[in-house]
PDB file of all heavy atoms in Angstrom:
ATOM      1  N   LYS A   1    -207.293 -34.884 -96.942  1.00  0.00           N
ATOM      2  CA  LYS A   1    -207.267 -33.645 -97.720  1.00  0.00           C
ATOM      3  C   LYS A   1    -205.866 -33.380 -98.279  1.00  0.00           C
ATOM      4  O   LYS A   1    -205.710 -33.033 -99.449  1.00  0.00           O
ATOM      5  CB  LYS A   1    -207.719 -32.473 -96.826  1.00  0.00           C
ATOM      6  CG  LYS A   1    -207.799 -31.163 -97.516  1.00  0.00           C
ATOM      7  CD  LYS A   1    -208.960 -31.117 -98.466  1.00  0.00           C
ATOM      8  CE  LYS A   1    -209.061 -29.713 -99.056  1.00  0.00           C
ATOM      9  NZ  LYS A   1    -209.845 -29.692-100.249  1.00  0.00           N
ATOM     10  N   LEU A   2    -204.856 -33.566 -97.440  1.00  0.00           N
ATOM     11  CA  LEU A   2    -203.481 -33.330 -97.888  1.00  0.00           C
ATOM     12  C   LEU A   2    -203.035 -34.361 -98.927  1.00  0.00           C
ATOM     13  O   LEU A   2    -202.262 -34.043 -99.832  1.00  0.00           O
ATOM     14  CB  LEU A   2    -202.522 -33.336 -96.694  1.00  0.00           C
ATOM     15  CG  LEU A   2    -202.658 -32.147 -95.732  1.00  0.00           C
ATOM     16  CD1 LEU A   2    -201.810 -32.372 -94.498  1.00  0.00           C
ATOM     17  CD2 LEU A   2    -202.275 -30.853 -96.424  1.00  0.00           C
ATOM     18  N   SER A   3    -203.498 -35.597 -98.810  1.00  0.00           N
ATOM     19  CA  SER A   3    -203.070 -36.632 -99.752  1.00  0.00           C
ATOM     20  C   SER A   3    -203.840 -36.579-101.064  1.00  0.00           C
ATOM     21  O   SER A   3    -203.434 -37.217-102.034  1.00  0.00           O
ATOM     22  CB  SER A   3    -203.212 -38.020 -99.129  1.00  0.00           C
ATOM     23  OG  SER A   3    -204.583 -38.351 -98.968  1.00  0.00           O
ATOM     24  N   SER A   4    -204.924 -35.809-101.140  1.00  0.00           N
ATOM     25  CA  SER A   4    -205.694 -35.746-102.379  1.00  0.00           C
ATOM     26  C   SER A   4    -204.912 -35.076-103.503  1.00  0.00           C
ATOM     27  O   SER A   4    -205.147 -35.341-104.673  1.00  0.00           O
ATOM     28  CB  SER A   4    -207.018 -35.013-102.153  1.00  0.00           C
ATOM     29  OG  SER A   4    -206.786 -33.655-101.851  1.00  0.00           O
ATOM     30  N   GLY A   5    -203.981 -34.212-103.183  1.00  0.00           N
ATOM     31  CA  GLY A   5    -203.172 -33.547-104.199  1.00  0.00           C
ATOM     32  C   GLY A   5    -201.859 -34.251-104.469  1.00  0.00           C
ATOM     33  O   GLY A   5    -200.975 -33.714-105.132  1.00  0.00           O
ATOM     34  N   LEU A   6    -201.716 -35.449-103.984  1.00  0.00           N
ATOM     35  CA  LEU A   6    -200.478 -36.203-104.115  1.00  0.00           C
ATOM     36  C   LEU A   6    -200.237 -36.605-105.568  1.00  0.00           C
ATOM     37  O   LEU A   6    -201.132 -37.111-106.231  1.00  0.00           O
ATOM     38  CB  LEU A   6    -200.564 -37.468-103.244  1.00  0.00           C
ATOM     39  CG  LEU A   6    -199.365 -38.386-103.196  1.00  0.00           C
ATOM     40  CD1 LEU A   6    -198.223 -37.690-102.480  1.00  0.00           C
ATOM     41  CD2 LEU A   6    -199.712 -39.669-102.476  1.00  0.00           C
ATOM     42  N   SER A   7    -199.054 -36.345-106.072  1.00  0.00           N
ATOM     43  CA  SER A   7    -198.688 -36.836-107.400  1.00  0.00           C
ATOM     44  C   SER A   7    -197.411 -37.648-107.251  1.00  0.00           C
ATOM     45  O   SER A   7    -196.538 -37.326-106.448  1.00  0.00           O
ATOM     46  CB  SER A   7    -198.496 -35.681-108.381  1.00  0.00           C
ATOM     47  OG  SER A   7    -197.288 -35.027-108.139  1.00  0.00           O
ATOM     48  N   ILE A   8    -197.332 -38.690-108.026  1.00  0.00           N
ATOM     49  CA  ILE A   8    -196.219 -39.623-107.908  1.00  0.00           C
ATOM     50  C   ILE A   8    -195.521 -39.721-109.253  1.00  0.00           C
ATOM     51  O   ILE A   8    -196.158 -39.918-110.280  1.00  0.00           O
ATOM     52  CB  ILE A   8    -196.723 -41.009-107.458  1.00  0.00           C
ATOM     53  CG1 ILE A   8    -197.346 -40.876-106.077  1.00  0.00           C
ATOM     54  CG2 ILE A   8    -195.603 -42.023-107.462  1.00  0.00           C
ATOM     55  CD1 ILE A   8    -198.052 -42.102-105.608  1.00  0.00           C
ATOM     56  N   SER A   9    -194.221 -39.571-109.240  1.00  0.00           N
ATOM     57  CA  SER A   9    -193.432 -39.688-110.456  1.00  0.00           C
ATOM     58  C   SER A   9    -192.959 -41.127-110.596  1.00  0.00           C
ATOM     59  O   SER A   9    -192.504 -41.740-109.636  1.00  0.00           O
ATOM     60  CB  SER A   9    -192.222 -38.751-110.397  1.00  0.00           C
ATOM     61  OG  SER A   9    -191.387 -38.980-111.504  1.00  0.00           O
ATOM     62  N   THR A  10    -193.063 -41.661-111.814  1.00  0.00           N
ATOM     63  CA  THR A  10    -192.589 -43.016-112.072  1.00  0.00           C
ATOM     64  C   THR A  10    -191.170 -43.014-112.622  1.00  0.00           C
ATOM     65  O   THR A  10    -190.661 -44.051-113.009  1.00  0.00           O
ATOM     66  CB  THR A  10    -193.523 -43.732-113.068  1.00  0.00           C
ATOM     67  OG1 THR A  10    -193.603 -42.965-114.267  1.00  0.00           O
ATOM     68  CG2 THR A  10    -194.898 -43.916-112.480  1.00  0.00           C
ATOM     69  N   ARG A  11    -190.530 -41.861-112.650  1.00  0.00           N
ATOM     70  CA  ARG A  11    -189.159 -41.767-113.146  1.00  0.00           C
ATOM     71  C   ARG A  11    -188.192 -41.944-111.971  1.00  0.00           C
ATOM     72  O   ARG A  11    -188.110 -41.096-111.096  1.00  0.00           O
ATOM     73  CB  ARG A  11    -188.938 -40.418-113.816  1.00  0.00           C
ATOM     74  CG  ARG A  11    -189.777 -40.227-115.070  1.00  0.00           C
ATOM     75  CD  ARG A  11    -189.638 -38.813-115.598  1.00  0.00           C
ATOM     76  NE  ARG A  11    -188.251 -38.407-115.639  1.00  0.00           N
ATOM     77  CZ  ARG A  11    -187.602 -38.067-116.726  1.00  0.00           C
ATOM     78  NH1 ARG A  11    -188.208 -38.063-117.873  1.00  0.00           N
ATOM     79  NH2 ARG A  11    -186.332 -37.696-116.667  1.00  0.00           N
ATOM     80  N   LEU A  12    -187.458 -43.055-111.976  1.00  0.00           N
ATOM     81  CA  LEU A  12    -186.552 -43.359-110.864  1.00  0.00           C
ATOM     82  C   LEU A  12    -185.432 -42.338-110.720  1.00  0.00           C
ATOM     83  O   LEU A  12    -184.994 -42.049-109.616  1.00  0.00           O
ATOM     84  CB  LEU A  12    -185.955 -44.761-111.038  1.00  0.00           C
ATOM     85  CG  LEU A  12    -186.933 -45.909-110.862  1.00  0.00           C
ATOM     86  CD1 LEU A  12    -186.239 -47.235-111.113  1.00  0.00           C
ATOM     87  CD2 LEU A  12    -187.541 -45.890-109.482  1.00  0.00           C
ATOM     88  N   GLU A  13    -184.984 -41.772-111.841  1.00  0.00           N
ATOM     89  CA  GLU A  13    -183.878 -40.808-111.758  1.00  0.00           C
ATOM     90  C   GLU A  13    -184.292 -39.535-111.036  1.00  0.00           C
ATOM     91  O   GLU A  13    -183.444 -38.795-110.548  1.00  0.00           O
ATOM     92  CB  GLU A  13    -183.297 -40.496-113.139  1.00  0.00           C
ATOM     93  CG  GLU A  13    -184.246 -39.845-114.102  1.00  0.00           C
ATOM     94  CD  GLU A  13    -185.046 -40.833-114.942  1.00  0.00           C
ATOM     95  OE1 GLU A  13    -185.092 -42.017-114.619  1.00  0.00           O
ATOM     96  OE2 GLU A  13    -185.638 -40.386-115.925  1.00  0.00           O
ATOM     97  N   ASP A  14    -185.614 -39.264-110.952  1.00  0.00           N
ATOM     98  CA  ASP A  14    -186.081 -38.099-110.200  1.00  0.00           C
ATOM     99  C   ASP A  14    -185.881 -38.276-108.696  1.00  0.00           C
ATOM    100  O   ASP A  14    -185.892 -37.300-107.951  1.00  0.00           O
ATOM    101  CB  ASP A  14    -187.569 -37.834-110.484  1.00  0.00           C
ATOM    102  CG  ASP A  14    -187.795 -37.294-111.890  1.00  0.00           C
ATOM    103  OD1 ASP A  14    -186.807 -36.870-112.529  1.00  0.00           O
ATOM    104  OD2 ASP A  14    -188.946 -37.310-112.347  1.00  0.00           O
ATOM    105  N   LEU A  15    -185.734 -39.507-108.250  1.00  0.00           N
ATOM    106  CA  LEU A  15    -185.562 -39.782-106.826  1.00  0.00           C
ATOM    107  C   LEU A  15    -184.114 -39.638-106.373  1.00  0.00           C
ATOM    108  O   LEU A  15    -183.850 -39.619-105.180  1.00  0.00           O
ATOM    109  CB  LEU A  15    -186.053 -41.194-106.504  1.00  0.00           C
ATOM    110  CG  LEU A  15    -187.515 -41.476-106.833  1.00  0.00           C
ATOM    111  CD1 LEU A  15    -187.833 -42.943-106.600  1.00  0.00           C
ATOM    112  CD2 LEU A  15    -188.419 -40.594-106.008  1.00  0.00           C
ATOM    113  N   MET A  16    -183.196 -39.554-107.329  1.00  0.00           N
ATOM    114  CA  MET A  16    -181.779 -39.491-106.998  1.00  0.00           C
ATOM    115  C   MET A  16    -181.237 -38.101-107.322  1.00  0.00           C
ATOM    116  O   MET A  16    -181.741 -37.436-108.221  1.00  0.00           O
ATOM    117  CB  MET A  16    -181.025 -40.564-107.784  1.00  0.00           C
ATOM    118  CG  MET A  16    -181.477 -41.962-107.419  1.00  0.00           C
ATOM    119  SD  MET A  16    -180.856 -43.275-108.495  1.00  0.00           S
ATOM    120  CE  MET A  16    -179.148 -42.951-108.649  1.00  0.00           C
ATOM    121  N   PRO A  17    -180.220 -37.658-106.603  1.00  0.00           N
ATOM    122  CA  PRO A  17    -179.658 -36.326-106.883  1.00  0.00           C
ATOM    123  C   PRO A  17    -178.991 -36.282-108.258  1.00  0.00           C
ATOM    124  O   PRO A  17    -178.407 -37.264-108.708  1.00  0.00           O
ATOM    125  CB  PRO A  17    -178.637 -36.127-105.766  1.00  0.00           C
ATOM    126  CG  PRO A  17    -178.317 -37.487-105.272  1.00  0.00           C
ATOM    127  CD  PRO A  17    -179.550 -38.324-105.500  1.00  0.00           C
ATOM    128  N   ALA A  18    -179.092 -35.138-108.920  1.00  0.00           N
ATOM    129  CA  ALA A  18    -178.518 -34.980-110.260  1.00  0.00           C
ATOM    130  C   ALA A  18    -177.001 -35.150-110.256  1.00  0.00           C
ATOM    131  O   ALA A  18    -176.404 -35.456-111.279  1.00  0.00           O
ATOM    132  CB  ALA A  18    -178.892 -33.616-110.832  1.00  0.00           C
ATOM    133  N   SER A  19    -176.361 -34.961-109.093  1.00  0.00           N
ATOM    134  CA  SER A  19    -174.902 -35.089-109.013  1.00  0.00           C
ATOM    135  C   SER A  19    -174.442 -36.545-108.897  1.00  0.00           C
ATOM    136  O   SER A  19    -173.246 -36.812-108.997  1.00  0.00           O
ATOM    137  CB  SER A  19    -174.379 -34.292-107.817  1.00  0.00           C
ATOM    138  OG  SER A  19    -174.960 -34.795-106.621  1.00  0.00           O
ATOM    139  N   ALA A  20    -175.375 -37.483-108.699  1.00  0.00           N
ATOM    140  CA  ALA A  20    -174.991 -38.901-108.579  1.00  0.00           C
ATOM    141  C   ALA A  20    -174.412 -39.387-109.902  1.00  0.00           C
ATOM    142  O   ALA A  20    -174.908 -39.056-110.977  1.00  0.00           O
ATOM    143  CB  ALA A  20    -176.195 -39.738-108.177  1.00  0.00           C
ATOM    144  N   ARG A  21    -173.372 -40.196-109.817  1.00  0.00           N
ATOM    145  CA  ARG A  21    -172.678 -40.668-111.016  1.00  0.00           C
ATOM    146  C   ARG A  21    -173.609 -41.465-111.918  1.00  0.00           C
ATOM    147  O   ARG A  21    -173.589 -41.334-113.133  1.00  0.00           O
ATOM    148  CB  ARG A  21    -171.473 -41.511-110.612  1.00  0.00           C
ATOM    149  CG  ARG A  21    -170.637 -41.928-111.798  1.00  0.00           C
ATOM    150  CD  ARG A  21    -169.279 -42.439-111.377  1.00  0.00           C
ATOM    151  NE  ARG A  21    -168.462 -42.626-112.559  1.00  0.00           N
ATOM    152  CZ  ARG A  21    -168.011 -43.802-112.955  1.00  0.00           C
ATOM    153  NH1 ARG A  21    -168.276 -44.872-112.262  1.00  0.00           N
ATOM    154  NH2 ARG A  21    -167.287 -43.911-114.039  1.00  0.00           N
ATOM    155  N   SER A  22    -174.463 -42.316-111.317  1.00  0.00           N
ATOM    156  CA  SER A  22    -175.370 -43.131-112.120  1.00  0.00           C
ATOM    157  C   SER A  22    -176.381 -42.266-112.863  1.00  0.00           C
ATOM    158  O   SER A  22    -176.740 -42.561-114.003  1.00  0.00           O
ATOM    159  CB  SER A  22    -176.086 -44.158-111.247  1.00  0.00           C
ATOM    160  OG  SER A  22    -176.790 -43.514-110.209  1.00  0.00           O
ATOM    161  N   VAL A  23    -176.842 -41.179-112.258  1.00  0.00           N
ATOM    162  CA  VAL A  23    -177.785 -40.278-112.922  1.00  0.00           C
ATOM    163  C   VAL A  23    -177.082 -39.547-114.065  1.00  0.00           C
ATOM    164  O   VAL A  23    -177.640 -39.390-115.152  1.00  0.00           O
ATOM    165  CB  VAL A  23    -178.398 -39.268-111.923  1.00  0.00           C
ATOM    166  CG1 VAL A  23    -179.237 -38.231-112.637  1.00  0.00           C
ATOM    167  CG2 VAL A  23    -179.227 -39.993-110.885  1.00  0.00           C
ATOM    168  N   GLN A  24    -175.842 -39.135-113.855  1.00  0.00           N
ATOM    169  CA  GLN A  24    -175.086 -38.469-114.913  1.00  0.00           C
ATOM    170  C   GLN A  24    -174.842 -39.416-116.084  1.00  0.00           C
ATOM    171  O   GLN A  24    -174.973 -39.019-117.240  1.00  0.00           O
ATOM    172  CB  GLN A  24    -173.768 -37.932-114.366  1.00  0.00           C
ATOM    173  CG  GLN A  24    -173.949 -36.774-113.405  1.00  0.00           C
ATOM    174  CD  GLN A  24    -172.653 -36.344-112.737  1.00  0.00           C
ATOM    175  OE1 GLN A  24    -171.637 -37.022-112.816  1.00  0.00           O
ATOM    176  NE2 GLN A  24    -172.694 -35.190-112.078  1.00  0.00           N
ATOM    177  N   SER A  25    -174.519 -40.687-115.786  1.00  0.00           N
ATOM    178  CA  SER A  25    -174.319 -41.674-116.849  1.00  0.00           C
ATOM    179  C   SER A  25    -175.608 -41.892-117.621  1.00  0.00           C
ATOM    180  O   SER A  25    -175.609 -41.960-118.850  1.00  0.00           O
ATOM    181  CB  SER A  25    -173.845 -43.005-116.265  1.00  0.00           C
ATOM    182  OG  SER A  25    -172.611 -42.852-115.631  1.00  0.00           O
ATOM    183  N   LEU A  26    -176.710 -42.028-116.898  1.00  0.00           N
ATOM    184  CA  LEU A  26    -178.007 -42.225-117.537  1.00  0.00           C
ATOM    185  C   LEU A  26    -178.351 -41.040-118.435  1.00  0.00           C
ATOM    186  O   LEU A  26    -178.789 -41.222-119.573  1.00  0.00           O
ATOM    187  CB  LEU A  26    -179.099 -42.425-116.485  1.00  0.00           C
ATOM    188  CG  LEU A  26    -180.525 -42.554-117.018  1.00  0.00           C
ATOM    189  CD1 LEU A  26    -180.662 -43.770-117.915  1.00  0.00           C
ATOM    190  CD2 LEU A  26    -181.503 -42.627-115.866  1.00  0.00           C
ATOM    191  N   ASN A  27    -178.138 -39.827-117.950  1.00  0.00           N
ATOM    192  CA  ASN A  27    -178.438 -38.639-118.754  1.00  0.00           C
ATOM    193  C   ASN A  27    -177.562 -38.576-119.999  1.00  0.00           C
ATOM    194  O   ASN A  27    -178.023 -38.156-121.065  1.00  0.00           O
ATOM    195  CB  ASN A  27    -178.284 -37.374-117.910  1.00  0.00           C
ATOM    196  CG  ASN A  27    -179.396 -37.231-116.896  1.00  0.00           C
ATOM    197  OD1 ASN A  27    -180.487 -37.759-117.079  1.00  0.00           O
ATOM    198  ND2 ASN A  27    -179.127 -36.531-115.814  1.00  0.00           N
ATOM    199  N   ALA A  28    -176.304 -39.002-119.879  1.00  0.00           N
ATOM    200  CA  ALA A  28    -175.417 -39.015-121.044  1.00  0.00           C
ATOM    201  C   ALA A  28    -175.914 -40.017-122.085  1.00  0.00           C
ATOM    202  O   ALA A  28    -175.922 -39.732-123.286  1.00  0.00           O
ATOM    203  CB  ALA A  28    -173.982 -39.354-120.618  1.00  0.00           C
ATOM    204  N   VAL A  29    -176.360 -41.191-121.632  1.00  0.00           N
ATOM    205  CA  VAL A  29    -176.900 -42.199-122.547  1.00  0.00           C
ATOM    206  C   VAL A  29    -178.171 -41.680-123.205  1.00  0.00           C
ATOM    207  O   VAL A  29    -178.368 -41.818-124.416  1.00  0.00           O
ATOM    208  CB  VAL A  29    -177.175 -43.524-121.802  1.00  0.00           C
ATOM    209  CG1 VAL A  29    -177.980 -44.475-122.661  1.00  0.00           C
ATOM    210  CG2 VAL A  29    -175.864 -44.179-121.396  1.00  0.00           C
ATOM    211  N   LEU A  30    -179.043 -41.090-122.413  1.00  0.00           N
ATOM    212  CA  LEU A  30    -180.301 -40.563-122.958  1.00  0.00           C
ATOM    213  C   LEU A  30    -180.043 -39.458-123.977  1.00  0.00           C
ATOM    214  O   LEU A  30    -180.747 -39.350-124.986  1.00  0.00           O
ATOM    215  CB  LEU A  30    -181.196 -40.052-121.828  1.00  0.00           C
ATOM    216  CG  LEU A  30    -181.765 -41.125-120.899  1.00  0.00           C
ATOM    217  CD1 LEU A  30    -182.512 -40.474-119.735  1.00  0.00           C
ATOM    218  CD2 LEU A  30    -182.675 -42.076-121.647  1.00  0.00           C
ATOM    219  N   GLU A  31    -179.025 -38.638-123.733  1.00  0.00           N
ATOM    220  CA  GLU A  31    -178.699 -37.561-124.656  1.00  0.00           C
ATOM    221  C   GLU A  31    -178.199 -38.106-125.987  1.00  0.00           C
ATOM    222  O   GLU A  31    -178.544 -37.606-127.052  1.00  0.00           O
ATOM    223  CB  GLU A  31    -177.632 -36.660-124.024  1.00  0.00           C
ATOM    224  CG  GLU A  31    -177.339 -35.410-124.822  1.00  0.00           C
ATOM    225  CD  GLU A  31    -176.334 -34.529-124.107  1.00  0.00           C
ATOM    226  OE1 GLU A  31    -176.491 -34.317-122.890  1.00  0.00           O
ATOM    227  OE2 GLU A  31    -175.392 -34.068-124.771  1.00  0.00           O
ATOM    228  N   LYS A  32    -177.395 -39.177-125.933  1.00  0.00           N
ATOM    229  CA  LYS A  32    -176.831 -39.736-127.159  1.00  0.00           C
ATOM    230  C   LYS A  32    -177.812 -40.628-127.904  1.00  0.00           C
ATOM    231  O   LYS A  32    -177.862 -40.624-129.119  1.00  0.00           O
ATOM    232  CB  LYS A  32    -175.569 -40.546-126.836  1.00  0.00           C
ATOM    233  CG  LYS A  32    -174.407 -39.692-126.473  1.00  0.00           C
ATOM    234  CD  LYS A  32    -173.178 -40.520-126.248  1.00  0.00           C
ATOM    235  CE  LYS A  32    -172.008 -39.621-125.885  1.00  0.00           C
ATOM    236  NZ  LYS A  32    -170.787 -40.359-125.736  1.00  0.00           N
ATOM    237  N   SER A  33    -178.557 -41.432-127.169  1.00  0.00           N
ATOM    238  CA  SER A  33    -179.376 -42.448-127.830  1.00  0.00           C
ATOM    239  C   SER A  33    -180.871 -42.179-127.779  1.00  0.00           C
ATOM    240  O   SER A  33    -181.630 -42.776-128.523  1.00  0.00           O
ATOM    241  CB  SER A  33    -179.108 -43.816-127.190  1.00  0.00           C
ATOM    242  OG  SER A  33    -179.567 -43.814-125.848  1.00  0.00           O
ATOM    243  N   GLY A  34    -181.296 -41.310-126.892  1.00  0.00           N
ATOM    244  CA  GLY A  34    -182.719 -41.041-126.771  1.00  0.00           C
ATOM    245  C   GLY A  34    -183.427 -42.000-125.834  1.00  0.00           C
ATOM    246  O   GLY A  34    -184.581 -41.805-125.495  1.00  0.00           O
ATOM    247  N   SER A  35    -182.750 -43.062-125.407  1.00  0.00           N
ATOM    248  CA  SER A  35    -183.373 -44.007-124.471  1.00  0.00           C
ATOM    249  C   SER A  35    -182.297 -44.774-123.728  1.00  0.00           C
ATOM    250  O   SER A  35    -181.125 -44.709-124.053  1.00  0.00           O
ATOM    251  CB  SER A  35    -184.289 -44.977-125.215  1.00  0.00           C
ATOM    252  OG  SER A  35    -183.521 -45.843-126.033  1.00  0.00           O
ATOM    253  N   PHE A  36    -182.743 -45.517-122.736  1.00  0.00           N
ATOM    254  CA  PHE A  36    -181.836 -46.351-121.947  1.00  0.00           C
ATOM    255  C   PHE A  36    -182.371 -47.769-122.023  1.00  0.00           C
ATOM    256  O   PHE A  36    -183.533 -48.007-121.705  1.00  0.00           O
ATOM    257  CB  PHE A  36    -181.807 -45.868-120.500  1.00  0.00           C
ATOM    258  CG  PHE A  36    -180.928 -46.694-119.624  1.00  0.00           C
ATOM    259  CD1 PHE A  36    -179.559 -46.562-119.668  1.00  0.00           C
ATOM    260  CD2 PHE A  36    -181.468 -47.630-118.762  1.00  0.00           C
ATOM    261  CE1 PHE A  36    -178.738 -47.323-118.864  1.00  0.00           C
ATOM    262  CE2 PHE A  36    -180.659 -48.397-117.951  1.00  0.00           C
ATOM    263  CZ  PHE A  36    -179.291 -48.234-118.008  1.00  0.00           C
ATOM    264  N   ALA A  37    -181.565 -48.685-122.464  1.00  0.00           N
ATOM    265  CA  ALA A  37    -182.089 -50.034-122.640  1.00  0.00           C
ATOM    266  C   ALA A  37    -180.977 -51.068-122.507  1.00  0.00           C
ATOM    267  O   ALA A  37    -179.802 -50.766-122.607  1.00  0.00           O
ATOM    268  CB  ALA A  37    -182.736 -50.166-124.016  1.00  0.00           C
ATOM    269  N   SER A  38    -181.421 -52.271-122.299  1.00  0.00           N
ATOM    270  CA  SER A  38    -180.540 -53.424-122.316  1.00  0.00           C
ATOM    271  C   SER A  38    -180.793 -54.146-123.633  1.00  0.00           C
ATOM    272  O   SER A  38    -181.940 -54.295-124.051  1.00  0.00           O
ATOM    273  CB  SER A  38    -180.881 -54.341-121.136  1.00  0.00           C
ATOM    274  OG  SER A  38    -180.188 -55.555-121.264  1.00  0.00           O
ATOM    275  N   ILE A  39    -179.746 -54.553-124.286  1.00  0.00           N
ATOM    276  CA  ILE A  39    -179.883 -55.191-125.600  1.00  0.00           C
ATOM    277  C   ILE A  39    -179.283 -56.582-125.537  1.00  0.00           C
ATOM    278  O   ILE A  39    -178.201 -56.784-124.975  1.00  0.00           O
ATOM    279  CB  ILE A  39    -179.151 -54.364-126.679  1.00  0.00           C
ATOM    280  CG1 ILE A  39    -179.749 -52.968-126.777  1.00  0.00           C
ATOM    281  CG2 ILE A  39    -179.224 -55.069-128.018  1.00  0.00           C
ATOM    282  CD1 ILE A  39    -178.956 -52.033-127.675  1.00  0.00           C
TER     283      ILE A  39
END
């Protein structure tokens, strides 16, 4: 019954604290470019 309402996020940055340096870097990239990618 308790697991029936379980929702899972596929966004890895949601698993890390917003104060983490890597999350801040990712958010800065997303703000400037709209996405995060390897080229």
